[in-house]
Amino acid sequence: MKTAFVTLSDPGALMIQQLSGEFPEAQIFLHEGVNEAFAGDRFAGIVDLTKNIFSDFDQIVYIAPCGVVVRSLNGNLRSKLTDPAVVVVDSGGRFAVSLLSGHEGGANDLCVKVSNILGAEPVITTATEALKSVIVGIGCRLGTEEETISAAVGEVLLMAGIDLEEVRFLASADIKSDEEGLIRAAESLGVPLRFIASEAIRAAAGQVQQHAFVEEKVGLPAVAEPAALLGGRRTKLIWPRTICNGVTIALARESFSWSASDRETP
């Protein structure tokens, strides 16, 4: 996949440095006002740059204001089947937005990958994804096989009466980000995998039952339950940690504040 990183600012250039380790073949485009200490191709205007590179890359990550990116895309869009995936990250690294070609172009997956690297919140608004509400928190031993993890997820979902189609994310601790079995299980299940920062899990320790065994093994008070809760917005634990063949699974559900069941009377 040909990837381009584009930014207007020094903070954006710092984030690109962090991202580029996972995208070794990416091309970097920096505004001419960015500090010269950062390496990359320089550009004067983002509108002209976008016009010049739009058809040359499979995916483009902008670290810039959304409005600026939207204006720069004007006149370049052709088809959701051929346009590149576009993800926008704010200059504070807080949110990664899947802006263009979410499904067909892979922007939703790119959004989650960028979010995992930066510790940002992925923002995915395509209807088929946004209306999913279940987060599956996963804790597993080092080297656990894909089949074991997938089977554990399926078993707990079955016990809870939840269909796989309702699952928005799988979630685990960032210390598990290199676990091949976990990564492949997410791929085989067809569900994006989020990695939650260890600091956030420690901060949320008071919300879940803590486990001395987990603390001893991975240095965290728990994994599955806090990962499930932190993997979404306005979450509530709906299935406590359950161990299946050494894999710990917990389920949380997001609350849609606009829904009829949740809406408060004015």
Foldseek 3Di string as FASTA:
>chain_A
DEEEEEEEEQLSLVLCVLVCVVVVRYAYEYEPVYDPVRDHHYDPALLVVCQVCFQPGQEYEYADDPVSVVVSCPPVDDDLQRTHFYWYAYSVRAEIERDGSVDNSVNVLVQQVSCQRSVYQYHYDDVQQVQQWKEKWKDFDAQDALVQVLVVVVVVCVVLVHDLSSYNEYEWASVCVPRPSVVVNCVVSVHHYHHHYQVQQQVCPVVDQFDPVCCVPPVGRDIGVSRRQVNDPQKDWDADWDADPRMTITMITHDDCPDPVNDDDD
